[in-house]
Amino acid sequence: MSLAIFTKNNCIQCKMTKKFLSEHQISFEEHNITKEPQYIDYLQGKGFRSVPVIEKNNAPIINGFRPDLLKNLIAQ
């Protein structure tokens, strides 16, 4: 499973999502749109206007801090 998380600086939902994933030993690759602004257009092209966005195998699966959906990743 290949997870990517798109975040930005000073984002509480982003911090909570990363903390959840780390606490459950789920590895991910982070793309910070503040440091890597090219991902802003990428996310907007997929219809997103806010972060965090989590992609699994290049397909978006979660937008925002959603512990209910994140728990599904633990089961996989």
PDB file of N, CA and C in Angstrom:
ATOM      1  N   MET A   1       0.855  -1.180   0.000  1.00  0.00           N
ATOM      2  CA  MET A   1       0.000   0.000   0.000  1.00  0.00           C
ATOM      3  C   MET A   1       0.892   1.232   0.000  1.00  0.00           C
ATOM      4  N   SER A   2       0.615   2.119  -0.921  1.00  0.00           N
ATOM      5  CA  SER A   2       1.379   3.348  -1.042  1.00  0.00           C
ATOM      6  C   SER A   2       0.478   4.522  -0.678  1.00  0.00           C
ATOM      7  N   LEU A   3       0.781   5.179   0.457  1.00  0.00           N
ATOM      8  CA  LEU A   3      -0.012   6.316   0.905  1.00  0.00           C
ATOM      9  C   LEU A   3       0.772   7.607   0.740  1.00  0.00           C
ATOM     10  N   ALA A   4       0.074   8.622   0.243  1.00  0.00           N
ATOM     11  CA  ALA A   4       0.630   9.970   0.177  1.00  0.00           C
ATOM     12  C   ALA A   4      -0.339  10.880   0.911  1.00  0.00           C
ATOM     13  N   ILE A   5       0.197  11.803   1.685  1.00  0.00           N
ATOM     14  CA  ILE A   5      -0.638  12.769   2.385  1.00  0.00           C
ATOM     15  C   ILE A   5      -0.198  14.167   1.971  1.00  0.00           C
ATOM     16  N   PHE A   6      -1.160  14.964   1.582  1.00  0.00           N
ATOM     17  CA  PHE A   6      -0.914  16.347   1.177  1.00  0.00           C
ATOM     18  C   PHE A   6      -1.300  17.243   2.352  1.00  0.00           C
ATOM     19  N   THR A   7      -0.357  18.068   2.785  1.00  0.00           N
ATOM     20  CA  THR A   7      -0.537  18.882   3.981  1.00  0.00           C
ATOM     21  C   THR A   7      -0.113  20.317   3.695  1.00  0.00           C
ATOM     22  N   LYS A   8      -0.271  21.174   4.713  1.00  0.00           N
ATOM     23  CA  LYS A   8       0.284  22.526   4.650  1.00  0.00           C
ATOM     24  C   LYS A   8       0.727  22.909   6.054  1.00  0.00           C
ATOM     25  N   ASN A   9       1.521  23.960   6.147  1.00  0.00           N
ATOM     26  CA  ASN A   9       2.012  24.434   7.441  1.00  0.00           C
ATOM     27  C   ASN A   9       0.854  24.942   8.296  1.00  0.00           C
ATOM     28  N   ASN A  10       0.996  24.807   9.609  1.00  0.00           N
ATOM     29  CA  ASN A  10       0.035  25.319  10.592  1.00  0.00           C
ATOM     30  C   ASN A  10      -1.376  24.784  10.384  1.00  0.00           C
ATOM     31  N   CYS A  11      -1.501  23.544  10.020  1.00  0.00           N
ATOM     32  CA  CYS A  11      -2.798  22.897   9.777  1.00  0.00           C
ATOM     33  C   CYS A  11      -3.017  21.853  10.863  1.00  0.00           C
ATOM     34  N   ILE A  12      -3.963  22.118  11.748  1.00  0.00           N
ATOM     35  CA  ILE A  12      -4.232  21.202  12.858  1.00  0.00           C
ATOM     36  C   ILE A  12      -4.737  19.853  12.345  1.00  0.00           C
ATOM     37  N   GLN A  13      -5.633  19.869  11.362  1.00  0.00           N
ATOM     38  CA  GLN A  13      -6.140  18.605  10.821  1.00  0.00           C
ATOM     39  C   GLN A  13      -5.019  17.779  10.194  1.00  0.00           C
ATOM     40  N   CYS A  14      -4.076  18.460   9.551  1.00  0.00           N
ATOM     41  CA  CYS A  14      -2.925  17.764   8.961  1.00  0.00           C
ATOM     42  C   CYS A  14      -2.090  17.110  10.055  1.00  0.00           C
ATOM     43  N   LYS A  15      -1.816  17.868  11.122  1.00  0.00           N
ATOM     44  CA  LYS A  15      -1.016  17.335  12.234  1.00  0.00           C
ATOM     45  C   LYS A  15      -1.700  16.139  12.865  1.00  0.00           C
ATOM     46  N   MET A  16      -3.010  16.219  13.070  1.00  0.00           N
ATOM     47  CA  MET A  16      -3.747  15.125  13.687  1.00  0.00           C
ATOM     48  C   MET A  16      -3.755  13.883  12.796  1.00  0.00           C
ATOM     49  N   THR A  17      -3.883  14.088  11.503  1.00  0.00           N
ATOM     50  CA  THR A  17      -3.878  12.962  10.571  1.00  0.00           C
ATOM     51  C   THR A  17      -2.515  12.280  10.557  1.00  0.00           C
ATOM     52  N   LYS A  18      -1.441  13.073  10.485  1.00  0.00           N
ATOM     53  CA  LYS A  18      -0.091  12.494  10.500  1.00  0.00           C
ATOM     54  C   LYS A  18       0.171  11.779  11.814  1.00  0.00           C
ATOM     55  N   LYS A  19      -0.275  12.357  12.929  1.00  0.00           N
ATOM     56  CA  LYS A  19      -0.095  11.732  14.235  1.00  0.00           C
ATOM     57  C   LYS A  19      -0.818  10.389  14.287  1.00  0.00           C
ATOM     58  N   PHE A  20      -2.043  10.348  13.804  1.00  0.00           N
ATOM     59  CA  PHE A  20      -2.815   9.107  13.782  1.00  0.00           C
ATOM     60  C   PHE A  20      -2.088   8.032  12.980  1.00  0.00           C
ATOM     61  N   LEU A  21      -1.652   8.380  11.779  1.00  0.00           N
ATOM     62  CA  LEU A  21      -0.965   7.411  10.931  1.00  0.00           C
ATOM     63  C   LEU A  21       0.319   6.914  11.593  1.00  0.00           C
ATOM     64  N   SER A  22       1.084   7.834  12.165  1.00  0.00           N
ATOM     65  CA  SER A  22       2.342   7.449  12.821  1.00  0.00           C
ATOM     66  C   SER A  22       2.099   6.562  14.029  1.00  0.00           C
ATOM     67  N   GLU A  23       1.092   6.897  14.834  1.00  0.00           N
ATOM     68  CA  GLU A  23       0.790   6.098  16.024  1.00  0.00           C
ATOM     69  C   GLU A  23       0.383   4.670  15.672  1.00  0.00           C
ATOM     70  N   HIS A  24      -0.158   4.492  14.485  1.00  0.00           N
ATOM     71  CA  HIS A  24      -0.595   3.161  14.057  1.00  0.00           C
ATOM     72  C   HIS A  24       0.377   2.527  13.060  1.00  0.00           C
ATOM     73  N   GLN A  25       1.602   3.043  13.028  1.00  0.00           N
ATOM     74  CA  GLN A  25       2.677   2.513  12.186  1.00  0.00           C
ATOM     75  C   GLN A  25       2.258   2.356  10.725  1.00  0.00           C
ATOM     76  N   ILE A  26       1.531   3.340  10.221  1.00  0.00           N
ATOM     77  CA  ILE A  26       1.158   3.358   8.802  1.00  0.00           C
ATOM     78  C   ILE A  26       2.101   4.342   8.113  1.00  0.00           C
ATOM     79  N   SER A  27       2.905   3.822   7.204  1.00  0.00           N
ATOM     80  CA  SER A  27       3.890   4.682   6.549  1.00  0.00           C
ATOM     81  C   SER A  27       3.218   5.494   5.449  1.00  0.00           C
ATOM     82  N   PHE A  28       3.756   6.686   5.228  1.00  0.00           N
ATOM     83  CA  PHE A  28       3.202   7.586   4.227  1.00  0.00           C
ATOM     84  C   PHE A  28       4.295   8.512   3.725  1.00  0.00           C
ATOM     85  N   GLU A  29       4.045   9.065   2.555  1.00  0.00           N
ATOM     86  CA  GLU A  29       4.925  10.078   1.984  1.00  0.00           C
ATOM     87  C   GLU A  29       4.183  11.404   2.076  1.00  0.00           C
ATOM     88  N   GLU A  30       4.821  12.404   2.660  1.00  0.00           N
ATOM     89  CA  GLU A  30       4.172  13.699   2.843  1.00  0.00           C
ATOM     90  C   GLU A  30       4.568  14.675   1.743  1.00  0.00           C
ATOM     91  N   HIS A  31       3.563  15.398   1.252  1.00  0.00           N
ATOM     92  CA  HIS A  31       3.782  16.487   0.305  1.00  0.00           C
ATOM     93  C   HIS A  31       3.180  17.739   0.919  1.00  0.00           C
ATOM     94  N   ASN A  32       4.033  18.676   1.302  1.00  0.00           N
ATOM     95  CA  ASN A  32       3.584  19.913   1.938  1.00  0.00           C
ATOM     96  C   ASN A  32       3.383  20.966   0.852  1.00  0.00           C
ATOM     97  N   ILE A  33       2.116  21.415   0.683  1.00  0.00           N
ATOM     98  CA  ILE A  33       1.831  22.359  -0.401  1.00  0.00           C
ATOM     99  C   ILE A  33       2.423  23.738  -0.148  1.00  0.00           C
ATOM    100  N   THR A  34       2.796  24.024   1.103  1.00  0.00           N
ATOM    101  CA  THR A  34       3.471  25.289   1.394  1.00  0.00           C
ATOM    102  C   THR A  34       4.882  25.265   0.812  1.00  0.00           C
ATOM    103  N   LYS A  35       5.544  24.112   0.941  1.00  0.00           N
ATOM    104  CA  LYS A  35       6.915  23.968   0.448  1.00  0.00           C
ATOM    105  C   LYS A  35       6.967  23.498  -1.003  1.00  0.00           C
ATOM    106  N   GLU A  36       5.925  22.808  -1.435  1.00  0.00           N
ATOM    107  CA  GLU A  36       5.861  22.264  -2.789  1.00  0.00           C
ATOM    108  C   GLU A  36       4.563  22.743  -3.461  1.00  0.00           C
ATOM    109  N   PRO A  37       4.504  24.025  -3.840  1.00  0.00           N
ATOM    110  CA  PRO A  37       3.249  24.595  -4.352  1.00  0.00           C
ATOM    111  C   PRO A  37       2.732  23.965  -5.640  1.00  0.00           C
ATOM    112  N   GLN A  38       3.543  23.190  -6.325  1.00  0.00           N
ATOM    113  CA  GLN A  38       3.061  22.532  -7.543  1.00  0.00           C
ATOM    114  C   GLN A  38       1.918  21.567  -7.229  1.00  0.00           C
ATOM    115  N   TYR A  39       1.844  21.108  -5.985  1.00  0.00           N
ATOM    116  CA  TYR A  39       0.774  20.183  -5.613  1.00  0.00           C
ATOM    117  C   TYR A  39      -0.566  20.879  -5.402  1.00  0.00           C
ATOM    118  N   ILE A  40      -0.579  22.201  -5.300  1.00  0.00           N
ATOM    119  CA  ILE A  40      -1.843  22.934  -5.178  1.00  0.00           C
ATOM    120  C   ILE A  40      -2.677  22.716  -6.438  1.00  0.00           C
ATOM    121  N   ASP A  41      -2.079  22.926  -7.607  1.00  0.00           N
ATOM    122  CA  ASP A  41      -2.792  22.707  -8.869  1.00  0.00           C
ATOM    123  C   ASP A  41      -3.196  21.242  -9.018  1.00  0.00           C
ATOM    124  N   TYR A  42      -2.330  20.349  -8.583  1.00  0.00           N
ATOM    125  CA  TYR A  42      -2.623  18.915  -8.661  1.00  0.00           C
ATOM    126  C   TYR A  42      -3.892  18.596  -7.873  1.00  0.00           C
ATOM    127  N   LEU A  43      -3.970  19.093  -6.634  1.00  0.00           N
ATOM    128  CA  LEU A  43      -5.137  18.821  -5.792  1.00  0.00           C
ATOM    129  C   LEU A  43      -6.385  19.521  -6.327  1.00  0.00           C
ATOM    130  N   GLN A  44      -6.233  20.741  -6.773  1.00  0.00           N
ATOM    131  CA  GLN A  44      -7.378  21.465  -7.328  1.00  0.00           C
ATOM    132  C   GLN A  44      -7.912  20.757  -8.577  1.00  0.00           C
ATOM    133  N   GLY A  45      -7.021  20.205  -9.350  1.00  0.00           N
ATOM    134  CA  GLY A  45      -7.422  19.447 -10.540  1.00  0.00           C
ATOM    135  C   GLY A  45      -8.236  18.217 -10.202  1.00  0.00           C
ATOM    136  N   LYS A  46      -8.059  17.707  -8.988  1.00  0.00           N
ATOM    137  CA  LYS A  46      -8.830  16.545  -8.533  1.00  0.00           C
ATOM    138  C   LYS A  46     -10.061  16.974  -7.734  1.00  0.00           C
ATOM    139  N   GLY A  47     -10.283  18.298  -7.646  1.00  0.00           N
ATOM    140  CA  GLY A  47     -11.486  18.790  -6.998  1.00  0.00           C
ATOM    141  C   GLY A  47     -11.354  19.133  -5.525  1.00  0.00           C
ATOM    142  N   PHE A  48     -10.146  19.152  -5.000  1.00  0.00           N
ATOM    143  CA  PHE A  48      -9.947  19.442  -3.580  1.00  0.00           C
ATOM    144  C   PHE A  48      -9.610  20.905  -3.363  1.00  0.00           C
ATOM    145  N   ARG A  49     -10.147  21.461  -2.296  1.00  0.00           N
ATOM    146  CA  ARG A  49      -9.894  22.854  -1.933  1.00  0.00           C
ATOM    147  C   ARG A  49      -9.281  22.982  -0.547  1.00  0.00           C
ATOM    148  N   SER A  50      -9.099  21.837   0.125  1.00  0.00           N
ATOM    149  CA  SER A  50      -8.527  21.872   1.475  1.00  0.00           C
ATOM    150  C   SER A  50      -7.668  20.629   1.697  1.00  0.00           C
ATOM    151  N   VAL A  51      -6.819  20.710   2.686  1.00  0.00           N
ATOM    152  CA  VAL A  51      -5.962  19.592   3.082  1.00  0.00           C
ATOM    153  C   VAL A  51      -6.300  19.249   4.530  1.00  0.00           C
ATOM    154  N   PRO A  52      -5.955  18.103   5.015  1.00  0.00           N
ATOM    155  CA  PRO A  52      -5.162  17.061   4.353  1.00  0.00           C
ATOM    156  C   PRO A  52      -5.983  16.247   3.356  1.00  0.00           C
ATOM    157  N   VAL A  53      -5.273  15.746   2.373  1.00  0.00           N
ATOM    158  CA  VAL A  53      -5.829  14.787   1.422  1.00  0.00           C
ATOM    159  C   VAL A  53      -4.913  13.575   1.464  1.00  0.00           C
ATOM    160  N   ILE A  54      -5.513  12.406   1.609  1.00  0.00           N
ATOM    161  CA  ILE A  54      -4.731  11.173   1.591  1.00  0.00           C
ATOM    162  C   ILE A  54      -5.057  10.423   0.312  1.00  0.00           C
ATOM    163  N   GLU A  55      -4.011  10.008  -0.375  1.00  0.00           N
ATOM    164  CA  GLU A  55      -4.156   9.186  -1.571  1.00  0.00           C
ATOM    165  C   GLU A  55      -3.580   7.805  -1.294  1.00  0.00           C
ATOM    166  N   LYS A  56      -4.283   6.809  -1.766  1.00  0.00           N
ATOM    167  CA  LYS A  56      -3.800   5.425  -1.693  1.00  0.00           C
ATOM    168  C   LYS A  56      -3.606   4.955  -3.125  1.00  0.00           C
ATOM    169  N   ASN A  57      -2.381   4.581  -3.458  1.00  0.00           N
ATOM    170  CA  ASN A  57      -2.049   4.143  -4.816  1.00  0.00           C
ATOM    171  C   ASN A  57      -2.510   5.160  -5.854  1.00  0.00           C
ATOM    172  N   ASN A  58      -2.241   6.448  -5.569  1.00  0.00           N
ATOM    173  CA  ASN A  58      -2.538   7.586  -6.447  1.00  0.00           C
ATOM    174  C   ASN A  58      -4.029   7.887  -6.620  1.00  0.00           C
ATOM    175  N   ALA A  59      -4.891   7.310  -5.783  1.00  0.00           N
ATOM    176  CA  ALA A  59      -6.323   7.618  -5.827  1.00  0.00           C
ATOM    177  C   ALA A  59      -6.725   8.236  -4.487  1.00  0.00           C
ATOM    178  N   PRO A  60      -7.369   9.410  -4.496  1.00  0.00           N
ATOM    179  CA  PRO A  60      -7.761  10.059  -3.245  1.00  0.00           C
ATOM    180  C   PRO A  60      -8.774   9.211  -2.477  1.00  0.00           C
ATOM    181  N   ILE A  61      -8.535   9.048  -1.179  1.00  0.00           N
ATOM    182  CA  ILE A  61      -9.465   8.252  -0.380  1.00  0.00           C
ATOM    183  C   ILE A  61     -10.011   9.018   0.822  1.00  0.00           C
ATOM    184  N   ILE A  62      -9.280  10.008   1.343  1.00  0.00           N
ATOM    185  CA  ILE A  62      -9.725  10.733   2.531  1.00  0.00           C
ATOM    186  C   ILE A  62      -9.375  12.209   2.378  1.00  0.00           C
ATOM    187  N   ASN A  63     -10.324  13.070   2.741  1.00  0.00           N
ATOM    188  CA  ASN A  63     -10.092  14.514   2.766  1.00  0.00           C
ATOM    189  C   ASN A  63     -10.469  15.008   4.151  1.00  0.00           C
ATOM    190  N   GLY A  64      -9.528  15.699   4.813  1.00  0.00           N
ATOM    191  CA  GLY A  64      -9.758  16.173   6.176  1.00  0.00           C
ATOM    192  C   GLY A  64      -9.310  15.152   7.200  1.00  0.00           C
ATOM    193  N   PHE A  65      -9.440  15.503   8.478  1.00  0.00           N
ATOM    194  CA  PHE A  65      -9.100  14.569   9.556  1.00  0.00           C
ATOM    195  C   PHE A  65     -10.330  13.727   9.830  1.00  0.00           C
ATOM    196  N   ARG A  66     -10.288  12.475   9.388  1.00  0.00           N
ATOM    197  CA  ARG A  66     -11.427  11.578   9.503  1.00  0.00           C
ATOM    198  C   ARG A  66     -11.001  10.297  10.208  1.00  0.00           C
ATOM    199  N   PRO A  67     -10.988  10.306  11.557  1.00  0.00           N
ATOM    200  CA  PRO A  67     -10.579   9.106  12.288  1.00  0.00           C
ATOM    201  C   PRO A  67     -11.397   7.877  11.910  1.00  0.00           C
ATOM    202  N   ASP A  68     -12.681   8.073  11.602  1.00  0.00           N
ATOM    203  CA  ASP A  68     -13.521   6.940  11.226  1.00  0.00           C
ATOM    204  C   ASP A  68     -13.008   6.255   9.958  1.00  0.00           C
ATOM    205  N   LEU A  69     -12.579   7.048   8.986  1.00  0.00           N
ATOM    206  CA  LEU A  69     -12.043   6.466   7.747  1.00  0.00           C
ATOM    207  C   LEU A  69     -10.604   6.013   7.922  1.00  0.00           C
ATOM    208  N   LEU A  70      -9.842   6.725   8.752  1.00  0.00           N
ATOM    209  CA  LEU A  70      -8.455   6.312   8.995  1.00  0.00           C
ATOM    210  C   LEU A  70      -8.376   4.943   9.648  1.00  0.00           C
ATOM    211  N   LYS A  71      -9.358   4.628  10.479  1.00  0.00           N
ATOM    212  CA  LYS A  71      -9.386   3.306  11.134  1.00  0.00           C
ATOM    213  C   LYS A  71      -9.479   2.191  10.113  1.00  0.00           C
ATOM    214  N   ASN A  72     -10.107   2.468   8.964  1.00  0.00           N
ATOM    215  CA  ASN A  72     -10.177   1.444   7.909  1.00  0.00           C
ATOM    216  C   ASN A  72      -8.786   1.091   7.386  1.00  0.00           C
ATOM    217  N   LEU A  73      -7.856   2.055   7.420  1.00  0.00           N
ATOM    218  CA  LEU A  73      -6.493   1.779   6.956  1.00  0.00           C
ATOM    219  C   LEU A  73      -5.762   0.825   7.883  1.00  0.00           C
ATOM    220  N   ILE A  74      -6.109   0.871   9.169  1.00  0.00           N
ATOM    221  CA  ILE A  74      -5.463  -0.011  10.149  1.00  0.00           C
ATOM    222  C   ILE A  74      -5.832  -1.464   9.839  1.00  0.00           C
ATOM    223  N   ALA A  75      -7.064  -1.679   9.442  1.00  0.00           N
ATOM    224  CA  ALA A  75      -7.553  -3.027   9.198  1.00  0.00           C
ATOM    225  C   ALA A  75      -6.940  -3.667   7.955  1.00  0.00           C
ATOM    226  N   GLN A  76      -6.332  -2.862   7.095  1.00  0.00           N
ATOM    227  CA  GLN A  76      -5.787  -3.410   5.839  1.00  0.00           C
ATOM    228  C   GLN A  76      -4.409  -3.968   6.020  1.00  0.00           C
TER     229      GLN A  76
END
